[in-house]
Amino acid sequence: MLKRLRKFAKHRKAMTGLETAIVLIAFVVVAAAFAFVVLNMGFYTSQKSRTVISAGLGEASSSIELDGSVIATVDVNQTNPQLTNVTGVIMYIKLSVGRQPVELNTDKMVISYVNPRVSVDNVYDNSTCVITQIIGDGDAILEEGEKFKVFLNITSLVSNKSNFGLSNADSDIYLHPHDQFRVELKPPVGSILTVERIIPASVSNVTTLD
């Protein structure tokens, strides 16, 4: 009888050891699965953070930059300098280094014009303000290595001022010597390219604004 009890005790110990091993294996499997889930969540969160940061940087920096000087076309009145009018503003743009191509169509780009007397939210209509390609493949997308000309025709703005909600006198819309003005190019992605200049006291028919 004693011999049988000892044999049963040994068998019971073996079963207990096996059960313990099974429980430990189960814990290891569960822990591994949990670790896998946590790692996946970490990778996902990290990727999401990188995406958000990249998007934020894209919005914070401009996709467009000036390529050369800003030029004013001027109707110079030698008899009465006070009647001298800046009739247009020309600037050249290119894609910023490392940025994605920018669509320049009128339904994507917004260009505003502000002088000390008037403010127009959007003058870009392919008439008053025109963007033409100087170097590129012929489409309306600004890509690396390409160059576009932006021409703001202030005389056209004066002629069509009612279309832009303006009722000011013509002289208020034109630029004159000593005037400070601002043109903003607002692409669909990226921050605004702001161009601010002052018309010098002495001007010629074509004046470079540095």
N, C-alpha and C. Protein backbone atom coordinates (compact mmCIF):
# COMPACT_ATOMS: atom_id res chain seq x y z
N MET A 1 0.83 -1.21 0.00
CA MET A 1 0.00 0.00 0.00
C MET A 1 0.87 1.26 0.00
N LEU A 2 1.88 1.25 0.84
CA LEU A 2 2.80 2.38 0.93
C LEU A 2 3.52 2.59 -0.39
N LYS A 3 3.85 1.48 -1.03
CA LYS A 3 4.54 1.55 -2.31
C LYS A 3 3.65 2.21 -3.36
N ARG A 4 2.36 1.87 -3.32
CA ARG A 4 1.42 2.47 -4.27
C ARG A 4 1.26 3.98 -4.03
N LEU A 5 1.23 4.35 -2.75
CA LEU A 5 1.10 5.77 -2.42
C LEU A 5 2.30 6.57 -2.92
N ARG A 6 3.49 5.98 -2.74
CA ARG A 6 4.70 6.66 -3.22
C ARG A 6 4.67 6.81 -4.74
N LYS A 7 4.22 5.77 -5.40
CA LYS A 7 4.14 5.81 -6.87
C LYS A 7 3.14 6.87 -7.32
N PHE A 8 2.01 6.96 -6.60
CA PHE A 8 0.98 7.96 -6.94
C PHE A 8 1.51 9.38 -6.71
N ALA A 9 2.28 9.52 -5.60
CA ALA A 9 2.84 10.84 -5.29
C ALA A 9 3.80 11.29 -6.37
N LYS A 10 4.64 10.34 -6.84
CA LYS A 10 5.58 10.68 -7.92
C LYS A 10 4.82 11.06 -9.19
N HIS A 11 3.75 10.30 -9.47
CA HIS A 11 2.95 10.58 -10.66
C HIS A 11 2.28 11.95 -10.54
N ARG A 12 1.83 12.26 -9.32
CA ARG A 12 1.16 13.55 -9.08
C ARG A 12 2.14 14.71 -9.26
N LYS A 13 3.37 14.51 -8.77
CA LYS A 13 4.39 15.55 -8.93
C LYS A 13 4.71 15.79 -10.41
N ALA A 14 4.76 14.69 -11.16
CA ALA A 14 5.03 14.81 -12.59
C ALA A 14 3.92 15.58 -13.28
N MET A 15 2.66 15.29 -12.90
CA MET A 15 1.53 16.00 -13.48
C MET A 15 1.57 17.48 -13.11
N THR A 16 1.91 17.76 -11.84
CA THR A 16 1.99 19.15 -11.39
C THR A 16 3.06 19.91 -12.16
N GLY A 17 4.21 19.27 -12.37
CA GLY A 17 5.28 19.90 -13.15
C GLY A 17 4.85 20.18 -14.58
N LEU A 18 4.12 19.23 -15.17
CA LEU A 18 3.64 19.41 -16.54
C LEU A 18 2.63 20.55 -16.62
N GLU A 19 1.73 20.60 -15.63
CA GLU A 19 0.74 21.67 -15.60
C GLU A 19 1.42 23.04 -15.47
N THR A 20 2.44 23.07 -14.59
CA THR A 20 3.18 24.33 -14.40
C THR A 20 3.85 24.77 -15.70
N ALA A 21 4.43 23.78 -16.40
CA ALA A 21 5.09 24.09 -17.67
C ALA A 21 4.09 24.62 -18.69
N ILE A 22 2.91 24.00 -18.72
CA ILE A 22 1.87 24.45 -19.66
C ILE A 22 1.44 25.88 -19.35
N VAL A 23 1.27 26.16 -18.05
CA VAL A 23 0.87 27.51 -17.64
C VAL A 23 1.95 28.52 -18.02
N LEU A 24 3.22 28.15 -17.78
CA LEU A 24 4.31 29.06 -18.12
C LEU A 24 4.37 29.32 -19.63
N ILE A 25 4.18 28.25 -20.41
CA ILE A 25 4.17 28.41 -21.87
C ILE A 25 3.04 29.32 -22.30
N ALA A 26 1.87 29.14 -21.66
CA ALA A 26 0.72 29.99 -21.99
C ALA A 26 1.03 31.46 -21.69
N PHE A 27 1.68 31.69 -20.53
CA PHE A 27 2.06 33.06 -20.18
C PHE A 27 3.02 33.65 -21.21
N VAL A 28 3.99 32.83 -21.62
CA VAL A 28 4.97 33.30 -22.61
C VAL A 28 4.29 33.64 -23.93
N VAL A 29 3.36 32.78 -24.37
CA VAL A 29 2.65 33.02 -25.62
C VAL A 29 1.82 34.30 -25.53
N VAL A 30 1.10 34.47 -24.41
CA VAL A 30 0.28 35.68 -24.23
C VAL A 30 1.16 36.92 -24.19
N ALA A 31 2.29 36.82 -23.47
CA ALA A 31 3.21 37.97 -23.37
C ALA A 31 3.78 38.32 -24.74
N ALA A 32 4.12 37.29 -25.53
CA ALA A 32 4.66 37.54 -26.86
C ALA A 32 3.62 38.20 -27.76
N ALA A 33 2.38 37.71 -27.67
CA ALA A 33 1.31 38.31 -28.46
C ALA A 33 1.07 39.76 -28.06
N PHE A 34 1.09 40.01 -26.75
CA PHE A 34 0.89 41.38 -26.26
C PHE A 34 2.03 42.29 -26.72
N ALA A 35 3.26 41.76 -26.64
CA ALA A 35 4.41 42.55 -27.09
C ALA A 35 4.32 42.87 -28.57
N PHE A 36 3.84 41.89 -29.36
CA PHE A 36 3.68 42.10 -30.80
C PHE A 36 2.67 43.22 -31.08
N VAL A 37 1.56 43.19 -30.33
CA VAL A 37 0.53 44.22 -30.50
C VAL A 37 1.09 45.59 -30.12
N VAL A 38 1.82 45.64 -29.00
CA VAL A 38 2.39 46.91 -28.54
C VAL A 38 3.40 47.46 -29.55
N LEU A 39 4.25 46.56 -30.08
CA LEU A 39 5.23 47.00 -31.08
C LEU A 39 4.55 47.52 -32.33
N ASN A 40 3.51 46.80 -32.77
CA ASN A 40 2.78 47.25 -33.96
C ASN A 40 2.14 48.62 -33.74
N MET A 41 1.56 48.80 -32.55
CA MET A 41 0.97 50.09 -32.23
C MET A 41 2.03 51.17 -32.21
N GLY A 42 3.21 50.82 -31.68
CA GLY A 42 4.31 51.78 -31.64
C GLY A 42 4.77 52.17 -33.03
N PHE A 43 4.91 51.17 -33.90
CA PHE A 43 5.31 51.45 -35.28
C PHE A 43 4.26 52.30 -35.99
N TYR A 44 2.99 51.98 -35.75
CA TYR A 44 1.90 52.73 -36.39
C TYR A 44 1.90 54.18 -35.91
N THR A 45 2.06 54.34 -34.58
CA THR A 45 2.07 55.70 -34.01
C THR A 45 3.26 56.49 -34.53
N SER A 46 4.41 55.82 -34.61
CA SER A 46 5.61 56.49 -35.12
C SER A 46 5.43 56.93 -36.56
N GLN A 47 4.86 56.03 -37.38
CA GLN A 47 4.62 56.36 -38.79
C GLN A 47 3.62 57.49 -38.91
N LYS A 48 2.57 57.44 -38.08
CA LYS A 48 1.56 58.49 -38.10
C LYS A 48 2.16 59.83 -37.71
N SER A 49 3.05 59.79 -36.70
CA SER A 49 3.70 61.02 -36.25
C SER A 49 4.56 61.61 -37.36
N ARG A 50 5.31 60.73 -38.05
CA ARG A 50 6.14 61.21 -39.15
C ARG A 50 5.29 61.83 -40.25
N THR A 51 4.14 61.21 -40.52
CA THR A 51 3.24 61.74 -41.55
C THR A 51 2.72 63.12 -41.16
N VAL A 52 2.31 63.24 -39.89
CA VAL A 52 1.79 64.52 -39.40
C VAL A 52 2.87 65.59 -39.42
N ILE A 53 4.09 65.21 -39.00
CA ILE A 53 5.20 66.17 -38.99
C ILE A 53 5.53 66.61 -40.40
N SER A 54 5.56 65.66 -41.34
CA SER A 54 5.86 66.00 -42.73
C SER A 54 4.80 66.94 -43.30
N ALA A 55 3.53 66.63 -42.98
CA ALA A 55 2.45 67.49 -43.46
C ALA A 55 2.57 68.89 -42.86
N GLY A 56 2.92 68.94 -41.57
CA GLY A 56 3.08 70.23 -40.91
C GLY A 56 4.21 71.05 -41.51
N LEU A 57 5.33 70.37 -41.78
CA LEU A 57 6.45 71.07 -42.41
C LEU A 57 6.07 71.55 -43.80
N GLY A 58 5.28 70.73 -44.51
CA GLY A 58 4.85 71.12 -45.85
C GLY A 58 3.99 72.37 -45.82
N GLU A 59 3.14 72.48 -44.79
CA GLU A 59 2.29 73.66 -44.67
C GLU A 59 3.07 74.87 -44.19
N ALA A 60 4.13 74.61 -43.40
CA ALA A 60 4.86 75.73 -42.80
C ALA A 60 5.84 76.39 -43.76
N SER A 61 6.30 75.67 -44.76
CA SER A 61 7.28 76.23 -45.68
C SER A 61 6.66 76.41 -47.06
N SER A 62 7.11 77.44 -47.75
CA SER A 62 6.52 77.75 -49.05
C SER A 62 7.07 76.82 -50.13
N SER A 63 6.18 76.40 -51.04
CA SER A 63 6.58 75.57 -52.17
C SER A 63 7.13 76.41 -53.31
N ILE A 64 6.91 77.72 -53.22
CA ILE A 64 7.28 78.64 -54.31
C ILE A 64 8.25 79.68 -53.78
N GLU A 65 9.22 80.05 -54.61
CA GLU A 65 10.12 81.14 -54.24
C GLU A 65 10.41 82.00 -55.46
N LEU A 66 10.84 83.22 -55.20
CA LEU A 66 11.17 84.14 -56.28
C LEU A 66 12.43 83.67 -57.01
N ASP A 67 12.45 83.93 -58.30
CA ASP A 67 13.62 83.60 -59.11
C ASP A 67 14.03 84.86 -59.88
N GLY A 68 14.70 85.75 -59.18
CA GLY A 68 15.10 87.00 -59.80
C GLY A 68 14.42 88.20 -59.16
N SER A 69 14.61 89.35 -59.76
CA SER A 69 14.09 90.60 -59.21
C SER A 69 12.61 90.78 -59.53
N VAL A 70 11.97 91.64 -58.73
CA VAL A 70 10.61 92.09 -59.02
C VAL A 70 10.73 93.35 -59.86
N ILE A 71 9.91 93.44 -60.91
CA ILE A 71 10.01 94.55 -61.86
C ILE A 71 8.68 95.29 -61.93
N ALA A 72 8.76 96.60 -61.97
CA ALA A 72 7.56 97.43 -62.13
C ALA A 72 7.58 98.08 -63.50
N THR A 73 6.45 98.02 -64.19
CA THR A 73 6.29 98.77 -65.43
C THR A 73 5.58 100.08 -65.08
N VAL A 74 6.11 101.19 -65.57
CA VAL A 74 5.68 102.50 -65.08
C VAL A 74 5.30 103.42 -66.24
N ASP A 75 4.19 104.11 -66.06
CA ASP A 75 3.80 105.19 -66.97
C ASP A 75 4.30 106.49 -66.33
N VAL A 76 5.46 106.95 -66.78
CA VAL A 76 6.11 108.09 -66.16
C VAL A 76 5.55 109.39 -66.74
N ASN A 77 5.12 110.27 -65.85
CA ASN A 77 4.64 111.59 -66.26
C ASN A 77 5.71 112.61 -65.91
N GLN A 78 6.45 113.03 -66.92
CA GLN A 78 7.56 113.96 -66.67
C GLN A 78 7.06 115.34 -66.26
N THR A 79 5.90 115.72 -66.78
CA THR A 79 5.36 117.05 -66.48
C THR A 79 4.86 117.14 -65.05
N ASN A 80 4.12 116.11 -64.63
CA ASN A 80 3.58 116.09 -63.28
C ASN A 80 3.88 114.73 -62.65
N PRO A 81 4.98 114.62 -61.91
CA PRO A 81 5.38 113.33 -61.32
C PRO A 81 4.30 112.71 -60.44
N GLN A 82 3.40 113.53 -59.90
CA GLN A 82 2.34 112.99 -59.05
C GLN A 82 1.37 112.12 -59.83
N LEU A 83 1.37 112.29 -61.16
CA LEU A 83 0.50 111.48 -62.00
C LEU A 83 1.21 110.25 -62.57
N THR A 84 2.42 110.01 -62.10
CA THR A 84 3.15 108.81 -62.50
C THR A 84 2.47 107.58 -61.90
N ASN A 85 2.17 106.60 -62.75
CA ASN A 85 1.47 105.40 -62.30
C ASN A 85 2.29 104.14 -62.59
N VAL A 86 2.37 103.27 -61.61
CA VAL A 86 2.91 101.93 -61.86
C VAL A 86 1.78 101.10 -62.44
N THR A 87 1.95 100.66 -63.67
CA THR A 87 0.87 99.99 -64.39
C THR A 87 0.91 98.46 -64.28
N GLY A 88 2.03 97.93 -63.82
CA GLY A 88 2.13 96.48 -63.72
C GLY A 88 3.29 96.05 -62.85
N VAL A 89 3.19 94.84 -62.34
CA VAL A 89 4.26 94.24 -61.53
C VAL A 89 4.58 92.87 -62.11
N ILE A 90 5.86 92.63 -62.32
CA ILE A 90 6.32 91.36 -62.90
C ILE A 90 7.24 90.67 -61.90
N MET A 91 7.04 89.38 -61.72
CA MET A 91 7.95 88.58 -60.90
C MET A 91 8.09 87.20 -61.51
N TYR A 92 9.20 86.56 -61.21
CA TYR A 92 9.46 85.22 -61.72
C TYR A 92 9.55 84.26 -60.53
N ILE A 93 8.96 83.09 -60.71
CA ILE A 93 8.91 82.13 -59.61
C ILE A 93 9.47 80.78 -60.04
N LYS A 94 9.93 80.02 -59.05
CA LYS A 94 10.39 78.66 -59.28
C LYS A 94 9.99 77.81 -58.09
N LEU A 95 10.15 76.50 -58.23
CA LEU A 95 9.81 75.58 -57.15
C LEU A 95 10.92 75.59 -56.10
N SER A 96 10.52 75.62 -54.84
CA SER A 96 11.51 75.54 -53.76
C SER A 96 12.18 74.18 -53.77
N VAL A 97 13.41 74.13 -53.30
CA VAL A 97 14.20 72.89 -53.31
C VAL A 97 13.51 71.81 -52.48
N GLY A 98 13.38 70.63 -53.08
CA GLY A 98 12.83 69.49 -52.37
C GLY A 98 11.32 69.48 -52.21
N ARG A 99 10.63 70.40 -52.85
CA ARG A 99 9.18 70.47 -52.69
C ARG A 99 8.47 69.78 -53.84
N GLN A 100 7.21 69.42 -53.59
CA GLN A 100 6.39 68.77 -54.60
C GLN A 100 5.90 69.79 -55.63
N PRO A 101 5.64 69.36 -56.87
CA PRO A 101 5.12 70.28 -57.90
C PRO A 101 3.86 71.00 -57.44
N VAL A 102 3.68 72.21 -57.95
CA VAL A 102 2.55 73.07 -57.55
C VAL A 102 1.69 73.38 -58.76
N GLU A 103 0.39 73.17 -58.62
CA GLU A 103 -0.55 73.51 -59.69
C GLU A 103 -0.77 75.02 -59.70
N LEU A 104 -0.74 75.61 -60.90
CA LEU A 104 -0.84 77.06 -61.03
C LEU A 104 -2.13 77.50 -61.71
N ASN A 105 -3.08 76.61 -61.88
CA ASN A 105 -4.35 76.99 -62.50
C ASN A 105 -5.12 77.95 -61.60
N THR A 106 -6.03 78.70 -62.20
CA THR A 106 -6.79 79.70 -61.44
C THR A 106 -7.69 79.08 -60.37
N ASP A 107 -8.05 77.81 -60.53
CA ASP A 107 -8.89 77.16 -59.52
C ASP A 107 -8.06 76.57 -58.38
N LYS A 108 -6.73 76.69 -58.47
CA LYS A 108 -5.85 76.16 -57.43
C LYS A 108 -5.07 77.28 -56.72
N MET A 109 -4.63 78.25 -57.48
CA MET A 109 -3.79 79.32 -56.95
C MET A 109 -4.61 80.58 -56.69
N VAL A 110 -4.28 81.27 -55.61
CA VAL A 110 -4.90 82.56 -55.28
C VAL A 110 -3.79 83.60 -55.18
N ILE A 111 -4.01 84.77 -55.80
CA ILE A 111 -3.02 85.85 -55.74
C ILE A 111 -3.73 87.12 -55.29
N SER A 112 -3.26 87.68 -54.20
CA SER A 112 -3.88 88.90 -53.66
C SER A 112 -2.97 90.11 -53.90
N TYR A 113 -3.60 91.28 -53.88
CA TYR A 113 -2.89 92.54 -54.12
C TYR A 113 -3.33 93.57 -53.09
N VAL A 114 -2.35 94.19 -52.43
CA VAL A 114 -2.65 95.18 -51.40
C VAL A 114 -1.73 96.38 -51.58
N ASN A 115 -2.32 97.57 -51.60
CA ASN A 115 -1.53 98.79 -51.53
C ASN A 115 -2.10 99.66 -50.41
N PRO A 116 -1.56 100.84 -50.15
CA PRO A 116 -2.06 101.61 -49.00
C PRO A 116 -3.53 102.01 -49.07
N ARG A 117 -4.16 101.85 -50.23
CA ARG A 117 -5.53 102.34 -50.39
C ARG A 117 -6.55 101.25 -50.73
N VAL A 118 -6.10 100.15 -51.32
CA VAL A 118 -7.03 99.09 -51.71
C VAL A 118 -6.46 97.72 -51.35
N SER A 119 -7.37 96.76 -51.26
CA SER A 119 -6.98 95.37 -51.01
C SER A 119 -7.90 94.47 -51.82
N VAL A 120 -7.29 93.60 -52.63
CA VAL A 120 -8.06 92.68 -53.46
C VAL A 120 -7.66 91.26 -53.09
N ASP A 121 -8.63 90.45 -52.70
CA ASP A 121 -8.35 89.10 -52.21
C ASP A 121 -7.76 88.20 -53.29
N ASN A 122 -8.27 88.33 -54.52
CA ASN A 122 -7.79 87.46 -55.59
C ASN A 122 -7.87 88.18 -56.94
N VAL A 123 -6.71 88.46 -57.52
CA VAL A 123 -6.67 89.12 -58.83
C VAL A 123 -6.33 88.13 -59.94
N TYR A 124 -6.13 86.86 -59.58
CA TYR A 124 -5.67 85.88 -60.56
C TYR A 124 -6.86 85.35 -61.37
N ASP A 125 -6.99 85.87 -62.59
CA ASP A 125 -8.10 85.47 -63.45
C ASP A 125 -7.67 85.24 -64.90
N ASN A 126 -6.34 85.14 -65.12
CA ASN A 126 -5.78 84.97 -66.47
C ASN A 126 -6.04 86.17 -67.37
N SER A 127 -6.34 87.31 -66.77
CA SER A 127 -6.53 88.54 -67.53
C SER A 127 -5.85 89.68 -66.79
N THR A 128 -6.36 89.98 -65.60
CA THR A 128 -5.73 91.00 -64.77
C THR A 128 -4.40 90.50 -64.21
N CYS A 129 -4.35 89.24 -63.88
CA CYS A 129 -3.10 88.62 -63.45
C CYS A 129 -2.90 87.34 -64.26
N VAL A 130 -1.74 87.23 -64.86
CA VAL A 130 -1.46 86.12 -65.78
C VAL A 130 -0.17 85.43 -65.35
N ILE A 131 -0.19 84.10 -65.39
CA ILE A 131 1.02 83.31 -65.14
C ILE A 131 1.38 82.58 -66.43
N THR A 132 2.59 82.81 -66.92
CA THR A 132 3.04 82.17 -68.16
C THR A 132 4.36 81.45 -67.91
N GLN A 133 4.54 80.36 -68.63
CA GLN A 133 5.75 79.56 -68.46
C GLN A 133 6.90 80.12 -69.29
N ILE A 134 8.05 80.24 -68.66
CA ILE A 134 9.27 80.69 -69.34
C ILE A 134 10.15 79.49 -69.67
N ILE A 135 10.32 78.60 -68.71
CA ILE A 135 11.08 77.37 -68.89
C ILE A 135 10.24 76.22 -68.34
N GLY A 136 10.01 75.19 -69.16
CA GLY A 136 9.22 74.06 -68.67
C GLY A 136 8.69 73.19 -69.78
N ASP A 137 7.77 72.30 -69.41
CA ASP A 137 7.27 71.30 -70.36
C ASP A 137 5.91 71.66 -70.95
N GLY A 138 5.43 72.87 -70.69
CA GLY A 138 4.21 73.33 -71.34
C GLY A 138 2.93 73.21 -70.55
N ASP A 139 2.96 72.53 -69.38
CA ASP A 139 1.73 72.44 -68.60
C ASP A 139 1.69 73.54 -67.54
N ALA A 140 0.60 73.59 -66.79
CA ALA A 140 0.41 74.64 -65.78
C ALA A 140 0.80 74.14 -64.39
N ILE A 141 1.83 73.32 -64.34
CA ILE A 141 2.33 72.79 -63.07
C ILE A 141 3.78 73.21 -62.91
N LEU A 142 4.07 73.87 -61.80
CA LEU A 142 5.43 74.32 -61.51
C LEU A 142 6.22 73.14 -60.96
N GLU A 143 7.23 72.72 -61.72
CA GLU A 143 8.04 71.57 -61.33
C GLU A 143 9.50 71.97 -61.21
N GLU A 144 10.30 71.05 -60.70
CA GLU A 144 11.72 71.33 -60.49
C GLU A 144 12.40 71.72 -61.81
N GLY A 145 13.16 72.80 -61.76
CA GLY A 145 13.88 73.27 -62.94
C GLY A 145 13.07 74.18 -63.84
N GLU A 146 11.80 74.39 -63.52
CA GLU A 146 10.95 75.23 -64.36
C GLU A 146 10.88 76.66 -63.81
N LYS A 147 10.47 77.57 -64.68
CA LYS A 147 10.38 78.98 -64.32
C LYS A 147 9.12 79.57 -64.93
N PHE A 148 8.36 80.31 -64.11
CA PHE A 148 7.13 80.95 -64.58
C PHE A 148 7.19 82.45 -64.30
N LYS A 149 6.50 83.18 -65.16
CA LYS A 149 6.40 84.64 -65.01
C LYS A 149 5.00 84.99 -64.50
N VAL A 150 4.95 85.80 -63.46
CA VAL A 150 3.68 86.29 -62.92
C VAL A 150 3.58 87.77 -63.26
N PHE A 151 2.53 88.13 -63.99
CA PHE A 151 2.34 89.53 -64.38
C PHE A 151 1.01 90.04 -63.83
N LEU A 152 1.10 91.00 -62.93
CA LEU A 152 -0.08 91.67 -62.40
C LEU A 152 -0.29 92.95 -63.19
N ASN A 153 -1.35 92.98 -63.99
CA ASN A 153 -1.65 94.12 -64.85
C ASN A 153 -2.57 95.07 -64.07
N ILE A 154 -1.98 96.09 -63.48
CA ILE A 154 -2.77 97.01 -62.65
C ILE A 154 -3.71 97.85 -63.50
N THR A 155 -3.31 98.15 -64.73
CA THR A 155 -4.20 98.89 -65.63
C THR A 155 -5.47 98.09 -65.90
N SER A 156 -5.33 96.78 -66.08
CA SER A 156 -6.50 95.92 -66.27
C SER A 156 -7.35 95.89 -65.00
N LEU A 157 -6.71 95.89 -63.85
CA LEU A 157 -7.45 95.93 -62.59
C LEU A 157 -8.27 97.21 -62.48
N VAL A 158 -7.67 98.32 -62.92
CA VAL A 158 -8.39 99.60 -62.91
C VAL A 158 -9.59 99.54 -63.85
N SER A 159 -9.38 98.99 -65.05
CA SER A 159 -10.46 98.93 -66.05
C SER A 159 -11.60 98.02 -65.61
N ASN A 160 -11.27 97.00 -64.83
CA ASN A 160 -12.29 96.02 -64.42
C ASN A 160 -12.52 96.04 -62.91
N LYS A 161 -12.33 97.19 -62.30
CA LYS A 161 -12.37 97.27 -60.84
C LYS A 161 -13.70 96.82 -60.25
N SER A 162 -14.79 97.06 -60.96
CA SER A 162 -16.09 96.64 -60.42
C SER A 162 -16.19 95.13 -60.29
N ASN A 163 -15.48 94.40 -61.16
CA ASN A 163 -15.49 92.94 -61.09
C ASN A 163 -14.80 92.43 -59.83
N PHE A 164 -13.97 93.29 -59.24
CA PHE A 164 -13.23 92.91 -58.03
C PHE A 164 -13.79 93.61 -56.79
N GLY A 165 -14.96 94.18 -56.93
CA GLY A 165 -15.61 94.81 -55.79
C GLY A 165 -15.01 96.14 -55.38
N LEU A 166 -14.33 96.81 -56.32
CA LEU A 166 -13.70 98.09 -56.01
C LEU A 166 -14.52 99.25 -56.57
N SER A 167 -14.63 100.30 -55.78
CA SER A 167 -15.30 101.53 -56.25
C SER A 167 -14.38 102.73 -56.06
N ASN A 168 -13.11 102.45 -55.77
CA ASN A 168 -12.14 103.52 -55.54
C ASN A 168 -11.83 104.28 -56.82
N ALA A 169 -11.26 105.45 -56.65
CA ALA A 169 -10.75 106.20 -57.80
C ALA A 169 -9.61 105.42 -58.43
N ASP A 170 -9.42 105.62 -59.72
CA ASP A 170 -8.36 104.89 -60.44
C ASP A 170 -7.00 105.10 -59.80
N SER A 171 -6.75 106.33 -59.36
CA SER A 171 -5.44 106.65 -58.78
C SER A 171 -5.19 105.88 -57.48
N ASP A 172 -6.27 105.47 -56.81
CA ASP A 172 -6.12 104.68 -55.58
C ASP A 172 -5.62 103.27 -55.87
N ILE A 173 -5.96 102.77 -57.04
CA ILE A 173 -5.61 101.39 -57.39
C ILE A 173 -4.19 101.30 -57.95
N TYR A 174 -3.82 102.31 -58.73
CA TYR A 174 -2.44 102.35 -59.23
C TYR A 174 -1.46 102.51 -58.07
N LEU A 175 -0.22 102.11 -58.33
CA LEU A 175 0.87 102.39 -57.40
C LEU A 175 1.60 103.65 -57.84
N HIS A 176 2.15 104.36 -56.86
CA HIS A 176 2.86 105.61 -57.13
C HIS A 176 4.18 105.60 -56.36
N PRO A 177 5.10 106.48 -56.73
CA PRO A 177 6.36 106.58 -55.97
C PRO A 177 6.11 106.71 -54.47
N HIS A 178 6.91 105.99 -53.69
CA HIS A 178 6.86 105.93 -52.23
C HIS A 178 5.80 104.95 -51.71
N ASP A 179 4.97 104.40 -52.57
CA ASP A 179 3.96 103.43 -52.12
C ASP A 179 4.61 102.10 -51.76
N GLN A 180 4.14 101.53 -50.68
CA GLN A 180 4.50 100.15 -50.35
C GLN A 180 3.34 99.25 -50.75
N PHE A 181 3.65 98.11 -51.37
CA PHE A 181 2.59 97.20 -51.79
C PHE A 181 2.98 95.77 -51.44
N ARG A 182 1.98 94.90 -51.49
CA ARG A 182 2.20 93.48 -51.18
C ARG A 182 1.41 92.61 -52.14
N VAL A 183 2.09 91.63 -52.69
CA VAL A 183 1.45 90.61 -53.52
C VAL A 183 1.68 89.26 -52.84
N GLU A 184 0.62 88.50 -52.66
CA GLU A 184 0.74 87.20 -52.00
C GLU A 184 0.29 86.09 -52.95
N LEU A 185 1.15 85.11 -53.12
CA LEU A 185 0.82 83.93 -53.93
C LEU A 185 0.49 82.79 -52.96
N LYS A 186 -0.73 82.29 -53.07
CA LYS A 186 -1.22 81.29 -52.13
C LYS A 186 -1.46 79.97 -52.87
N PRO A 187 -0.49 79.05 -52.83
CA PRO A 187 -0.64 77.76 -53.52
C PRO A 187 -1.59 76.85 -52.75
N PRO A 188 -2.06 75.78 -53.39
CA PRO A 188 -2.97 74.85 -52.70
C PRO A 188 -2.32 74.15 -51.52
N VAL A 189 -0.99 73.96 -51.57
CA VAL A 189 -0.25 73.31 -50.48
C VAL A 189 0.97 74.16 -50.17
N GLY A 190 1.27 74.30 -48.89
CA GLY A 190 2.43 75.09 -48.49
C GLY A 190 2.03 76.49 -48.07
N SER A 191 2.97 77.18 -47.46
CA SER A 191 2.66 78.51 -46.97
C SER A 191 2.69 79.54 -48.10
N ILE A 192 2.25 80.74 -47.77
CA ILE A 192 2.11 81.82 -48.75
C ILE A 192 3.47 82.41 -49.09
N LEU A 193 3.67 82.70 -50.38
CA LEU A 193 4.83 83.48 -50.80
C LEU A 193 4.42 84.95 -50.79
N THR A 194 5.00 85.71 -49.89
CA THR A 194 4.66 87.13 -49.76
C THR A 194 5.77 87.97 -50.36
N VAL A 195 5.38 88.86 -51.26
CA VAL A 195 6.34 89.76 -51.92
C VAL A 195 5.95 91.19 -51.56
N GLU A 196 6.81 91.86 -50.83
CA GLU A 196 6.57 93.25 -50.43
C GLU A 196 7.69 94.13 -50.99
N ARG A 197 7.29 95.23 -51.58
CA ARG A 197 8.26 96.17 -52.14
C ARG A 197 7.76 97.60 -51.95
N ILE A 198 8.68 98.55 -52.11
CA ILE A 198 8.35 99.97 -52.07
C ILE A 198 8.75 100.59 -53.41
N ILE A 199 7.85 101.35 -53.98
CA ILE A 199 8.15 102.03 -55.24
C ILE A 199 9.10 103.19 -54.94
N PRO A 200 10.26 103.23 -55.57
CA PRO A 200 11.22 104.30 -55.26
C PRO A 200 10.74 105.67 -55.74
N ALA A 201 11.37 106.70 -55.22
CA ALA A 201 10.98 108.06 -55.59
C ALA A 201 11.27 108.34 -57.05
N SER A 202 12.38 107.81 -57.53
CA SER A 202 12.76 108.01 -58.93
C SER A 202 12.54 106.72 -59.70
N VAL A 203 11.72 106.79 -60.74
CA VAL A 203 11.38 105.59 -61.51
C VAL A 203 11.57 105.84 -63.00
N SER A 204 11.74 104.74 -63.72
CA SER A 204 11.77 104.79 -65.19
C SER A 204 10.66 103.89 -65.69
N ASN A 205 10.55 103.76 -67.01
CA ASN A 205 9.47 102.95 -67.56
C ASN A 205 9.55 101.49 -67.11
N VAL A 206 10.74 101.00 -66.90
CA VAL A 206 10.94 99.67 -66.34
C VAL A 206 11.86 99.82 -65.13
N THR A 207 11.33 99.56 -63.95
CA THR A 207 12.07 99.79 -62.71
C THR A 207 12.21 98.49 -61.93
N THR A 208 13.45 98.18 -61.56
CA THR A 208 13.71 96.99 -60.74
C THR A 208 13.48 97.34 -59.28
N LEU A 209 12.72 96.49 -58.61
CA LEU A 209 12.39 96.71 -57.20
C LEU A 209 13.15 95.70 -56.35
N ASP A 210 14.23 96.12 -55.74
CA ASP A 210 15.04 95.24 -54.91
C ASP A 210 14.76 95.47 -53.43
